[in-house]
């Protein structure tokens, strides 16, 4: 039987209408308690704790609410039930950071569970000692500079959030001093007061005796692709090179970079050529800002410090960077200062920074990647100055053609004497450059620091067709002639104590900057080594400089 049909048939029309009305009037199913309608609007609020000041909150990017004490809060504007809410901090209280939790969701009813917890920022500071009248500038996390000339406690003006990291470094050192930061980094969970900054006078190291007695040369061990190709010369190749240089009397060798190849050279020299001494190099790579954050540079310095300690008996000096003035737009002067200071703090040997003579003479022009950096803040950091002077490269700056002299041997001799004169003028320009020394006195470079010639040489063959002088004078005899002239200038009155000739062996991987070697890339000795004890040395001409090149445009 159909019960529904039976029920309708048992009712009269009026009763059926009542039943129908009753069904229509029943409420729909909902979350609201029986008999209650859902709210049309709901409020958003919660609790603030830890507040010491005033914080401004927002809901959904509006409805600003300023709170000045701990306790419950409710935004003045309600939102429609079922809409989303998002509580954020618009304005933090002074020296505090407030963090919102449970701050977003969909509001079906009044919300009172938003939590805003405020914590007080912490300050970073410590103690400075050893200042002797100069000013030191410190920074925290690279910002918030603090400059002072007073010893005693210091505190950075800007606080940082509780639980944040801090790192205190020296941005600018006082003149004539170096400052070392300890306890300078960490995570601040309370006010930090234990950072120490100890300043002391810069100590200049005297040049080792080998710089007054030795025969110096630049050396690169690469024979094929060079460092960019990842070349690692074999032990046998390096031992051959060291033996050849020793046979020519070279006992002071300049190395480039602190890397696995350099370490190999030092290891083999220490075991097999213990009387040889080395100037250890540090390669520096450029950067696009002045933050000095280049991992490759950090690695070079760390390796140099380790090698200088491991091979302290044969590492005589250290040079930081090589011709960085040529890319000074990418080597901010403050970064070069920092790298020199870090090196000096880690080694006991004297430290220099090899660069072109124009830098140390204050003639570094603005051109291309050269931004005109001056040496004034570098010089007080150095134990000695090492300059590069190349008459061939700067041939337009001196009278290399000597057209007033008869073409032939006399013109060749005049050219070579003028070449040496140009190098001597470069040296004198550096000698006469004035700067403020570590004590704040105005001095010249020459009266305050030893000056060595770190690179100079003459091409024995043409490799750069763009240099007119190479068309006429890139010649093995000219290369020997210039080398001989350098030896007469070295340790003469007013001359440099040491001249590092460039370079031991040709480096074909350098392309147009090749051709300077005393041996070619196959280790065949060239005319500069004639009639020496070097294996397979060529015989000298008679006259000695017969065959030298000179300017002669005639067909």
Protein backbone atom coordinates (compact mmCIF):
# COMPACT_ATOMS: atom_id res chain seq x y z
CA UNK A 1 0.00 0.00 0.00
CA UNK A 2 1.26 3.53 -0.73
CA UNK A 3 1.21 5.20 2.68
CA UNK A 4 1.57 8.70 1.23
CA UNK A 5 -1.34 8.25 -1.08
CA UNK A 6 -3.35 6.75 1.71
CA UNK A 7 -2.58 9.72 3.96
CA UNK A 8 -3.71 12.24 1.34
CA UNK A 9 -6.86 10.39 0.62
CA UNK A 10 -7.70 10.28 4.30
CA UNK A 11 -7.44 14.07 4.56
CA UNK A 12 -9.77 16.63 3.31
CA UNK A 13 -8.58 19.42 1.04
CA UNK A 14 -8.26 21.83 3.92
CA UNK A 15 -6.06 19.44 5.94
CA UNK A 16 -3.80 18.86 2.97
CA UNK A 17 -3.25 22.61 2.62
CA UNK A 18 -2.22 22.84 6.29
CA UNK A 19 0.31 20.05 5.87
CA UNK A 20 1.73 21.65 2.77
CA UNK A 21 2.12 24.96 4.55
CA UNK A 22 3.84 23.24 7.42
CA UNK A 23 6.51 21.70 5.09
CA UNK A 24 7.11 24.98 3.35
CA UNK A 25 7.66 26.76 6.65
CA UNK A 26 10.33 24.41 7.96
CA UNK A 27 13.81 26.12 8.11
CA UNK A 28 16.64 24.90 5.90
CA UNK A 29 19.51 22.93 7.47
CA UNK A 30 22.33 25.26 8.76
CA UNK A 31 25.15 25.54 11.34
CA UNK A 32 23.17 28.03 13.37
CA UNK A 33 21.46 26.84 16.52
CA UNK A 34 17.88 25.80 16.05
CA UNK A 35 15.72 28.78 15.59
CA UNK A 36 18.60 31.26 14.86
CA UNK A 37 19.49 32.91 11.55
CA UNK A 38 23.18 33.14 10.43
CA UNK A 39 24.80 36.54 11.23
CA UNK A 40 24.86 39.01 8.40
CA UNK A 41 28.16 40.57 9.64
CA UNK A 42 31.01 39.40 11.87
CA UNK A 43 33.75 41.20 13.79
CA UNK A 44 37.50 40.58 13.54
CA UNK A 45 39.77 40.82 16.57
CA UNK A 46 42.17 39.11 18.89
CA UNK A 47 44.82 39.88 21.47
CA UNK A 48 47.98 42.00 21.56
CA UNK A 49 50.81 41.07 23.93
CA UNK A 50 54.30 42.35 24.68
CA UNK A 51 53.56 45.83 23.34
CA UNK A 52 55.69 48.73 24.50
CA UNK A 53 54.48 51.65 22.41
CA UNK A 54 51.92 51.92 19.64
CA UNK A 55 51.20 49.51 16.81
CA UNK A 56 48.83 50.06 13.89
CA UNK A 57 47.01 47.03 12.53
CA UNK A 58 44.96 46.59 9.36
CA UNK A 59 42.39 44.12 8.17
CA UNK A 60 42.40 43.36 4.47
CA UNK A 61 44.69 46.34 3.89
CA UNK A 62 42.28 48.86 5.43
CA UNK A 63 40.29 49.62 8.61
CA UNK A 64 43.33 50.98 10.52
CA UNK A 65 43.34 50.18 14.21
CA UNK A 66 45.89 51.78 16.54
CA UNK A 67 46.64 49.84 19.71
CA UNK A 68 48.69 51.23 22.59
CA UNK A 69 48.43 48.52 25.24
CA UNK A 70 48.28 44.78 25.67
CA UNK A 71 44.90 43.07 25.67
CA UNK A 72 41.97 42.32 23.36
CA UNK A 73 41.26 44.34 20.23
CA UNK A 74 38.49 44.46 17.64
CA UNK A 75 38.53 46.24 14.31
CA UNK A 76 35.88 48.95 14.11
CA UNK A 77 34.43 47.67 10.83
CA UNK A 78 32.70 44.33 10.61
CA UNK A 79 32.82 42.20 7.49
CA UNK A 80 30.13 40.08 5.86
CA UNK A 81 29.88 36.54 7.16
CA UNK A 82 31.70 34.15 4.88
CA UNK A 83 34.22 36.72 3.68
CA UNK A 84 37.99 36.37 4.16
CA UNK A 85 40.06 38.43 6.55
CA UNK A 86 43.77 39.18 6.75
CA UNK A 87 45.27 41.01 9.71
CA UNK A 88 48.65 42.68 9.16
CA UNK A 89 50.87 45.23 10.87
CA UNK A 90 50.85 48.54 9.06
CA UNK A 91 53.18 50.44 11.41
CA UNK A 92 55.53 48.78 13.88
CA UNK A 93 56.11 50.30 17.29
CA UNK A 94 59.41 52.08 17.85
CA UNK A 95 62.22 49.59 18.63
CA UNK A 96 59.82 46.66 18.48
CA UNK A 97 58.66 44.09 15.97
CA UNK A 98 55.11 42.71 16.16
CA UNK A 99 54.28 39.39 14.51
CA UNK A 100 50.74 38.29 13.64
CA UNK A 101 49.67 34.65 13.94
CA UNK A 102 46.27 33.13 13.10
CA UNK A 103 45.71 36.36 11.21
CA UNK A 104 43.85 35.17 8.15
CA UNK A 105 40.96 32.93 7.19
CA UNK A 106 37.25 32.89 6.30
CA UNK A 107 34.98 34.40 8.94
CA UNK A 108 31.75 32.45 9.52
CA UNK A 109 31.34 34.04 12.94
CA UNK A 110 33.04 36.67 15.09
CA UNK A 111 36.82 36.10 15.09
CA UNK A 112 38.70 36.70 18.35
CA UNK A 113 41.72 34.39 17.90
CA UNK A 114 44.13 36.65 16.06
CA UNK A 115 47.38 36.90 18.05
CA UNK A 116 49.77 39.87 17.78
CA UNK A 117 52.98 39.28 19.76
CA UNK A 118 55.45 42.15 20.03
CA UNK A 119 59.10 41.77 20.97
CA UNK A 120 61.59 44.49 21.77
CA UNK A 121 64.51 45.01 19.33
CA UNK A 122 68.05 44.50 20.54
CA UNK A 123 71.04 46.80 20.20
CA UNK A 124 74.50 45.90 18.94
CA UNK A 125 77.62 47.33 20.51
CA UNK A 126 80.85 46.68 22.31
CA UNK A 127 84.16 48.34 23.05
CA UNK A 128 86.83 50.11 20.98
CA UNK A 129 90.44 50.28 22.15
CA UNK A 130 93.78 51.44 20.77
CA UNK A 131 92.66 54.50 18.80
CA UNK A 132 95.39 57.15 18.77
CA UNK A 133 93.58 60.16 17.33
CA UNK A 134 92.23 58.81 14.08
CA UNK A 135 88.64 57.91 13.24
CA UNK A 136 87.30 54.42 12.70
CA UNK A 137 83.99 53.75 10.95
CA UNK A 138 82.12 50.56 11.76
CA UNK A 139 79.04 49.10 10.08
CA UNK A 140 76.56 46.44 11.16
CA UNK A 141 75.39 44.13 8.39
CA UNK A 142 76.95 46.56 5.91
CA UNK A 143 74.75 49.50 7.00
CA UNK A 144 74.22 51.90 9.94
CA UNK A 145 77.73 53.44 9.86
CA UNK A 146 79.17 54.47 13.21
CA UNK A 147 82.22 56.79 13.17
CA UNK A 148 84.21 57.60 16.28
CA UNK A 149 87.65 58.77 17.34
CA UNK A 150 87.10 57.75 20.97
CA UNK A 151 88.09 54.60 22.78
CA UNK A 152 85.46 53.00 25.01
CA UNK A 153 81.94 51.58 24.60
CA UNK A 154 79.94 52.01 21.40
CA UNK A 155 76.40 51.13 20.30
CA UNK A 156 74.97 51.30 16.80
CA UNK A 157 72.11 53.76 16.48
CA UNK A 158 69.78 51.31 14.73
CA UNK A 159 68.46 48.35 16.69
CA UNK A 160 67.67 45.03 15.02
CA UNK A 161 64.88 42.51 15.61
CA UNK A 162 65.33 40.03 18.42
CA UNK A 163 66.67 36.83 16.86
CA UNK A 164 68.21 38.56 13.83
CA UNK A 165 71.81 38.09 12.70
CA UNK A 166 74.46 40.80 13.07
CA UNK A 167 77.92 41.28 11.61
CA UNK A 168 80.16 44.15 12.66
CA UNK A 169 82.96 45.11 10.26
CA UNK A 170 85.40 47.98 9.77
CA UNK A 171 84.32 50.19 6.88
CA UNK A 172 87.08 52.80 7.20
CA UNK A 173 90.21 52.37 9.29
CA UNK A 174 92.01 55.24 11.07
CA UNK A 175 95.06 56.66 9.30
CA UNK A 176 98.17 54.75 10.25
CA UNK A 177 96.30 52.02 12.09
CA UNK A 178 94.57 48.74 11.46
CA UNK A 179 91.57 47.59 13.50
CA UNK A 180 90.57 43.99 14.21
CA UNK A 181 87.00 43.02 15.14
CA UNK A 182 86.37 40.01 17.41
CA UNK A 183 83.01 38.61 18.55
CA UNK A 184 81.65 40.59 15.64
CA UNK A 185 78.91 38.30 14.34
CA UNK A 186 76.15 36.05 15.61
CA UNK A 187 72.42 35.87 16.35
CA UNK A 188 71.15 38.56 18.72
CA UNK A 189 68.67 37.26 21.30
CA UNK A 190 69.44 40.10 23.71
CA UNK A 191 71.40 43.36 23.62
CA UNK A 192 74.91 42.60 22.34
CA UNK A 193 77.72 44.35 24.22
CA UNK A 194 80.73 42.09 23.72
CA UNK A 195 81.96 43.12 20.24
CA UNK A 196 85.59 44.23 20.57
CA UNK A 197 87.45 46.46 18.11
CA UNK A 198 91.19 46.59 18.77
CA UNK A 199 93.23 49.12 16.81
CA UNK A 200 97.01 49.18 16.55
CA UNK A 201 99.69 50.91 14.53
CA UNK A 202 100.47 49.57 11.09
CA UNK A 203 103.90 47.97 11.17
CA UNK A 204 106.02 48.16 8.02
CA UNK A 205 108.12 45.11 7.31
CA UNK A 206 111.65 45.67 5.93
CA UNK A 207 112.50 44.15 2.57
CA UNK A 208 114.20 40.75 2.89
CA UNK A 209 117.92 40.67 2.12
CA UNK A 210 117.30 38.77 -1.12
CA UNK A 211 115.83 41.99 -2.54
CA UNK A 212 119.23 43.64 -2.19
CA UNK A 213 121.28 40.76 -3.56
CA UNK A 214 119.11 38.49 -5.70
CA UNK A 215 118.39 38.23 -9.41
CA UNK A 216 114.64 38.50 -9.94
CA UNK A 217 112.25 37.27 -12.63
CA UNK A 218 108.51 36.75 -13.19
CA UNK A 219 107.39 33.16 -13.72
CA UNK A 220 104.25 31.46 -14.98
CA UNK A 221 104.27 27.66 -15.08
CA UNK A 222 101.61 27.22 -17.76
CA UNK A 223 102.69 25.75 -21.09
CA UNK A 224 99.45 25.18 -22.98
CA UNK A 225 95.95 26.52 -22.31
CA UNK A 226 96.72 28.50 -19.18
CA UNK A 227 94.59 28.95 -16.06
CA UNK A 228 91.34 29.59 -17.94
CA UNK A 229 91.66 26.13 -19.49
CA UNK A 230 92.26 24.53 -16.10
CA UNK A 231 95.82 23.54 -16.98
CA UNK A 232 97.88 21.95 -14.18
CA UNK A 233 101.53 21.59 -15.23
CA UNK A 234 103.22 18.34 -14.26
CA UNK A 235 105.81 18.07 -11.51
CA UNK A 236 108.41 17.26 -14.17
CA UNK A 237 107.64 20.43 -16.11
CA UNK A 238 107.82 22.63 -13.02
CA UNK A 239 111.10 21.05 -11.89
CA UNK A 240 112.55 21.68 -15.35
CA UNK A 241 111.52 25.34 -15.17
CA UNK A 242 112.99 25.84 -11.71
CA UNK A 243 116.24 24.24 -12.81
CA UNK A 244 116.48 26.44 -15.90
CA UNK A 245 115.86 29.61 -13.93
CA UNK A 246 118.48 28.59 -11.39
CA UNK A 247 120.99 27.90 -14.18
CA UNK A 248 120.56 31.52 -15.32
CA UNK A 249 121.17 32.81 -11.80
CA UNK A 250 117.57 33.73 -11.02
CA UNK A 251 116.93 33.13 -7.32
CA UNK A 252 114.03 35.52 -6.61
CA UNK A 253 110.88 34.49 -8.46
CA UNK A 254 107.54 36.25 -8.61
CA UNK A 255 104.48 33.97 -8.76
CA UNK A 256 100.96 34.93 -9.86
CA UNK A 257 97.98 33.82 -7.77
CA UNK A 258 97.58 31.49 -4.82
CA UNK A 259 96.19 28.35 -6.35
CA UNK A 260 97.05 24.66 -6.85
CA UNK A 261 99.71 25.48 -9.46
CA UNK A 262 101.43 27.96 -7.16
CA UNK A 263 101.29 25.45 -4.32
CA UNK A 264 102.92 22.86 -6.58
CA UNK A 265 105.74 25.29 -7.44
CA UNK A 266 106.39 26.07 -3.78
CA UNK A 267 106.27 22.42 -2.75
CA UNK A 268 108.78 21.39 -5.40
CA UNK A 269 111.04 24.39 -4.81
CA UNK A 270 111.07 23.80 -1.06
CA UNK A 271 112.20 20.21 -1.59
CA UNK A 272 114.61 20.71 -4.50
CA UNK A 273 115.67 24.38 -4.66
CA UNK A 274 115.74 25.53 -1.02
CA UNK A 275 117.89 28.60 -1.78
CA UNK A 276 115.30 30.05 -4.17
CA UNK A 277 112.96 32.73 -2.79
CA UNK A 278 109.49 33.73 -3.97
CA UNK A 279 107.15 36.68 -4.09
CA UNK A 280 103.74 35.06 -3.64
CA UNK A 281 100.85 36.57 -5.58
CA UNK A 282 97.16 36.92 -4.80
CA UNK A 283 94.82 37.13 -7.79
CA UNK A 284 91.88 39.48 -7.28
CA UNK A 285 88.70 39.35 -9.34
CA UNK A 286 86.49 42.35 -10.08
CA UNK A 287 83.03 43.09 -8.70
CA UNK A 288 79.99 45.19 -9.55
CA UNK A 289 79.57 46.90 -6.16
CA UNK A 290 81.68 48.03 -3.21
CA UNK A 291 80.62 45.29 -0.78
CA UNK A 292 83.81 43.30 -1.42
CA UNK A 293 81.88 40.03 -1.40
CA UNK A 294 83.74 37.88 -3.94
CA UNK A 295 84.26 34.27 -2.77
CA UNK A 296 87.14 33.75 -5.23
CA UNK A 297 89.04 36.65 -3.66
CA UNK A 298 88.41 35.32 -0.16
CA UNK A 299 89.73 31.92 -1.26
CA UNK A 300 92.87 33.43 -2.80
CA UNK A 301 93.67 35.32 0.40
CA UNK A 302 93.03 32.31 2.63
CA UNK A 303 95.25 30.15 0.44
CA UNK A 304 98.02 32.77 0.36
CA UNK A 305 98.02 33.04 4.14
CA UNK A 306 98.27 29.26 4.43
CA UNK A 307 101.06 29.00 1.84
CA UNK A 308 103.00 31.87 3.41
CA UNK A 309 102.96 29.97 6.69
CA UNK A 310 103.62 26.50 5.28
CA UNK A 311 106.54 27.70 3.14
CA UNK A 312 107.71 30.58 5.31
CA UNK A 313 111.37 29.75 4.64
CA UNK A 314 111.07 30.42 0.90
CA UNK A 315 108.12 32.85 0.63
CA UNK A 316 109.84 36.21 1.03
CA UNK A 317 106.99 38.63 0.29
CA UNK A 318 103.33 38.71 -0.77
CA UNK A 319 101.69 40.84 -3.46
CA UNK A 320 97.94 41.51 -3.27
CA UNK A 321 96.38 41.83 -6.71
CA UNK A 322 98.01 42.52 -10.05
CA UNK A 323 97.42 45.74 -11.98
CA UNK A 324 94.01 46.24 -10.38
CA UNK A 325 94.07 49.88 -11.51
CA UNK A 326 93.46 48.61 -15.05
CA UNK A 327 90.00 47.42 -13.93
CA UNK A 328 89.51 49.86 -11.07
CA UNK A 329 85.86 50.42 -12.00
CA UNK A 330 85.38 46.85 -10.80
CA UNK A 331 87.87 46.99 -7.91
CA UNK A 332 86.69 49.70 -5.49
CA UNK A 333 89.58 51.17 -3.57
CA UNK A 334 87.96 50.28 -0.23
CA UNK A 335 87.94 46.62 -1.27
CA UNK A 336 91.62 46.70 -2.23
CA UNK A 337 92.34 48.27 1.17
CA UNK A 338 90.37 45.50 2.87
CA UNK A 339 92.18 42.74 0.97
CA UNK A 340 95.60 44.20 1.83
CA UNK A 341 94.67 44.56 5.51
CA UNK A 342 93.35 40.99 5.70
CA UNK A 343 96.54 39.70 4.13
CA UNK A 344 98.78 41.69 6.47
CA UNK A 345 96.86 40.41 9.49
CA UNK A 346 97.50 36.81 8.40
CA UNK A 347 101.17 36.82 7.37
CA UNK A 348 104.54 37.88 8.74
CA UNK A 349 106.15 38.66 5.38
CA UNK A 350 106.22 42.17 3.88
CA UNK A 351 103.21 42.95 1.67
CA UNK A 352 102.85 44.98 -1.53
CA UNK A 353 100.29 45.40 -4.32
CA UNK A 354 101.81 45.15 -7.83
CA UNK A 355 100.43 47.77 -10.20
CA UNK A 356 101.27 49.93 -13.17
CA UNK A 357 103.49 52.90 -12.44
CA UNK A 358 100.65 55.26 -13.43
CA UNK A 359 98.67 54.20 -10.37
CA UNK A 360 101.45 54.86 -7.88
CA UNK A 361 102.38 58.13 -9.61
CA UNK A 362 98.81 59.39 -9.27
CA UNK A 363 98.35 59.30 -13.07
CA UNK A 364 95.59 56.66 -13.24
CA UNK A 365 93.25 58.16 -15.81
CA UNK A 366 89.51 57.59 -16.28
CA UNK A 367 89.34 55.42 -19.37
CA UNK A 368 87.23 52.36 -20.12
CA UNK A 369 87.33 50.11 -17.07
CA UNK A 370 89.78 52.45 -15.33
CA UNK A 371 88.00 54.78 -12.93
CA UNK A 372 90.95 56.94 -11.89
CA UNK A 373 91.59 55.43 -8.44
CA UNK A 374 94.44 57.10 -6.58
CA UNK A 375 97.00 55.36 -4.33
CA UNK A 376 96.76 57.65 -1.29
CA UNK A 377 94.88 55.21 0.97
CA UNK A 378 96.81 52.19 -0.31
CA UNK A 379 100.34 53.47 0.25
CA UNK A 380 100.11 53.69 4.08
CA UNK A 381 99.17 49.99 4.14
CA UNK A 382 102.15 48.72 2.14
CA UNK A 383 105.58 47.58 3.27
CA UNK A 384 107.01 48.37 -0.17
CA UNK A 385 105.81 49.49 -3.59
CA UNK A 386 106.09 47.30 -6.68
CA UNK A 387 105.60 49.09 -10.00
CA UNK A 388 105.28 47.93 -13.62
CA UNK A 389 107.03 49.93 -16.36
CA UNK A 390 106.94 48.89 -20.03
CA UNK A 391 108.54 51.21 -22.59
CA UNK A 392 107.26 48.94 -25.39
CA UNK A 393 103.65 49.25 -24.20
CA UNK A 394 103.94 53.02 -23.69
CA UNK A 395 106.03 53.63 -26.84
CA UNK A 396 103.96 56.68 -27.79
CA UNK A 397 105.04 58.43 -24.59
CA UNK A 398 108.75 58.62 -25.51
CA UNK A 399 110.90 59.21 -28.60
CA UNK A 400 111.44 55.63 -29.70
CA UNK A 401 112.01 56.51 -33.37
CA UNK A 402 115.08 58.69 -32.68
CA UNK A 403 114.87 60.14 -36.20
CA UNK A 404 117.47 62.75 -35.27
CA UNK A 405 120.09 60.00 -35.12
CA UNK A 406 121.56 58.34 -38.18
CA UNK A 407 119.77 55.11 -39.09
CA UNK A 408 121.74 52.07 -38.09
CA UNK A 409 123.50 50.94 -34.89
CA UNK A 410 123.62 54.47 -33.50
CA UNK A 411 119.85 54.89 -33.84
CA UNK A 412 119.32 51.48 -32.22
CA UNK A 413 121.56 52.49 -29.31
CA UNK A 414 119.77 55.84 -28.94
CA UNK A 415 116.41 54.06 -28.89
CA UNK A 416 117.47 51.58 -26.23
CA UNK A 417 118.97 54.30 -24.01
CA UNK A 418 115.74 56.31 -24.41
CA UNK A 419 113.73 53.21 -23.46
CA UNK A 420 115.65 52.87 -20.22
CA UNK A 421 115.28 56.61 -19.67
CA UNK A 422 111.51 56.28 -19.99
CA UNK A 423 111.44 53.50 -17.38
CA UNK A 424 113.59 55.65 -15.10
CA UNK A 425 111.18 58.57 -15.54
CA UNK A 426 108.30 56.26 -14.56
CA UNK A 427 110.21 55.24 -11.44
CA UNK A 428 110.99 58.86 -10.55
CA UNK A 429 107.35 59.90 -10.98
CA UNK A 430 106.37 57.30 -8.39
CA UNK A 431 109.29 58.30 -6.15
CA UNK A 432 108.14 61.93 -6.11
CA UNK A 433 104.43 61.28 -5.51
CA UNK A 434 103.25 62.88 -2.23
CA UNK A 435 100.74 61.35 0.18
CA UNK A 436 99.91 61.26 3.90
CA UNK A 437 101.82 58.48 5.59
CA UNK A 438 100.63 56.31 8.48
CA UNK A 439 101.42 59.09 10.94
CA UNK A 440 99.57 61.73 8.92
CA UNK A 441 102.73 63.44 7.63
CA UNK A 442 103.11 64.51 4.00
CA UNK A 443 105.87 62.42 2.47
CA UNK A 444 106.94 61.19 -0.94
CA UNK A 445 106.72 57.53 -1.84
CA UNK A 446 110.47 57.32 -2.34
CA UNK A 447 111.40 58.73 1.06
CA UNK A 448 108.90 56.56 2.93
CA UNK A 449 108.85 53.18 1.16
CA UNK A 450 111.19 50.97 -0.86
CA UNK A 451 110.22 50.92 -4.55
CA UNK A 452 110.97 47.85 -6.64
CA UNK A 453 110.22 47.29 -10.31
CA UNK A 454 107.86 44.34 -10.28
CA UNK A 455 107.55 43.98 -14.06
CA UNK A 456 109.46 45.30 -17.04
CA UNK A 457 110.75 43.71 -20.20
CA UNK A 458 111.11 43.80 -23.98
CA UNK A 459 109.49 41.62 -26.61
CA UNK A 460 111.85 39.39 -28.57
CA UNK A 461 109.26 38.75 -31.29
CA UNK A 462 106.22 40.57 -32.63
CA UNK A 463 102.88 39.36 -31.30
CA UNK A 464 100.79 42.54 -31.53
CA UNK A 465 100.61 44.12 -34.97
CA UNK A 466 98.76 47.06 -33.46
CA UNK A 467 101.93 48.38 -31.79
CA UNK A 468 104.11 50.11 -34.36
CA UNK A 469 107.26 49.70 -32.30
CA UNK A 470 106.96 45.93 -32.63
CA UNK A 471 107.24 46.22 -36.41
CA UNK A 472 110.80 47.46 -36.00
CA UNK A 473 112.14 46.55 -32.59
CA UNK A 474 110.47 43.35 -31.31
CA UNK A 475 113.77 41.57 -31.68
CA UNK A 476 115.88 39.10 -29.63
CA UNK A 477 118.89 41.45 -29.66
CA UNK A 478 116.82 44.40 -28.43
CA UNK A 479 115.41 42.19 -25.67
CA UNK A 480 118.91 41.37 -24.47
CA UNK A 481 120.00 44.98 -24.78
CA UNK A 482 117.15 46.18 -22.58
CA UNK A 483 117.81 43.41 -20.05
CA UNK A 484 121.47 44.40 -19.83
CA UNK A 485 120.55 48.06 -19.35
CA UNK A 486 118.20 47.10 -16.51
CA UNK A 487 121.05 45.35 -14.70
CA UNK A 488 123.16 48.51 -14.87
CA UNK A 489 120.29 50.54 -13.39
CA UNK A 490 119.41 48.04 -10.64
CA UNK A 491 121.04 49.00 -7.30
CA UNK A 492 122.74 52.03 -8.83
CA UNK A 493 122.51 55.28 -6.85
CA UNK A 494 118.86 56.34 -6.90
CA UNK A 495 117.85 53.16 -8.70
CA UNK A 496 115.56 50.35 -7.57
CA UNK A 497 116.93 47.70 -5.21
CA UNK A 498 115.28 44.96 -7.26
CA UNK A 499 114.02 44.59 -10.83
CA UNK A 500 111.82 41.61 -11.72
CA UNK A 501 112.29 41.08 -15.46
CA UNK A 502 109.32 39.81 -17.43
CA UNK A 503 109.14 36.90 -18.07
CA UNK A 504 110.94 33.56 -17.73
CA UNK A 505 109.08 31.62 -20.44
CA UNK A 506 106.87 32.56 -23.35
CA UNK A 507 103.15 32.11 -22.67
CA UNK A 508 101.39 31.37 -25.95
CA UNK A 509 98.01 31.28 -24.25
CA UNK A 510 98.28 35.07 -23.79
CA UNK A 511 98.03 35.75 -27.53
CA UNK A 512 99.11 39.31 -28.39
CA UNK A 513 100.66 39.74 -24.93
CA UNK A 514 103.14 36.91 -25.55
CA UNK A 515 106.76 37.18 -26.67
CA UNK A 516 108.45 38.55 -23.54
CA UNK A 517 110.27 35.36 -22.52
CA UNK A 518 113.94 34.62 -21.82
CA UNK A 519 113.06 31.13 -23.07
CA UNK A 520 110.42 30.34 -25.68
CA UNK A 521 107.40 28.13 -24.91
CA UNK A 522 109.50 25.02 -25.71
CA UNK A 523 112.11 26.10 -23.13
CA UNK A 524 114.69 26.99 -25.77
CA UNK A 525 116.94 29.78 -24.42
CA UNK A 526 116.81 33.04 -26.34
CA UNK A 527 119.48 35.61 -27.15
CA UNK A 528 119.06 37.42 -23.83
CA UNK A 529 120.79 34.36 -22.31
CA UNK A 530 123.65 34.17 -24.81
CA UNK A 531 126.99 32.89 -23.57
CA UNK A 532 125.59 31.96 -20.16
CA UNK A 533 125.71 28.66 -18.30
CA UNK A 534 122.12 27.95 -19.30
CA UNK A 535 121.85 24.65 -21.19
CA UNK A 536 121.84 25.21 -24.97
CA UNK A 537 122.39 28.95 -24.60
CA UNK A 538 123.12 30.63 -27.94
CA UNK A 539 126.41 32.32 -28.68
CA UNK A 540 126.61 36.08 -28.45
CA UNK A 541 127.19 38.23 -31.51
CA UNK A 542 130.29 40.29 -32.05
CA UNK A 543 129.53 43.14 -31.68
CA UNK A 544 127.15 42.09 -28.90
CA UNK A 545 124.12 44.05 -30.12
CA UNK A 546 124.61 43.51 -33.82
CA UNK A 547 121.25 42.94 -35.47
CA UNK A 548 119.23 45.12 -33.10
CA UNK A 549 116.07 46.61 -34.58
CA UNK A 550 115.35 50.33 -34.89
CA UNK A 551 112.92 52.62 -36.69
CA UNK A 552 113.70 52.56 -40.40
CA UNK A 553 110.67 53.08 -42.66
CA UNK A 554 112.73 53.00 -45.84
CA UNK A 555 111.94 50.09 -48.20
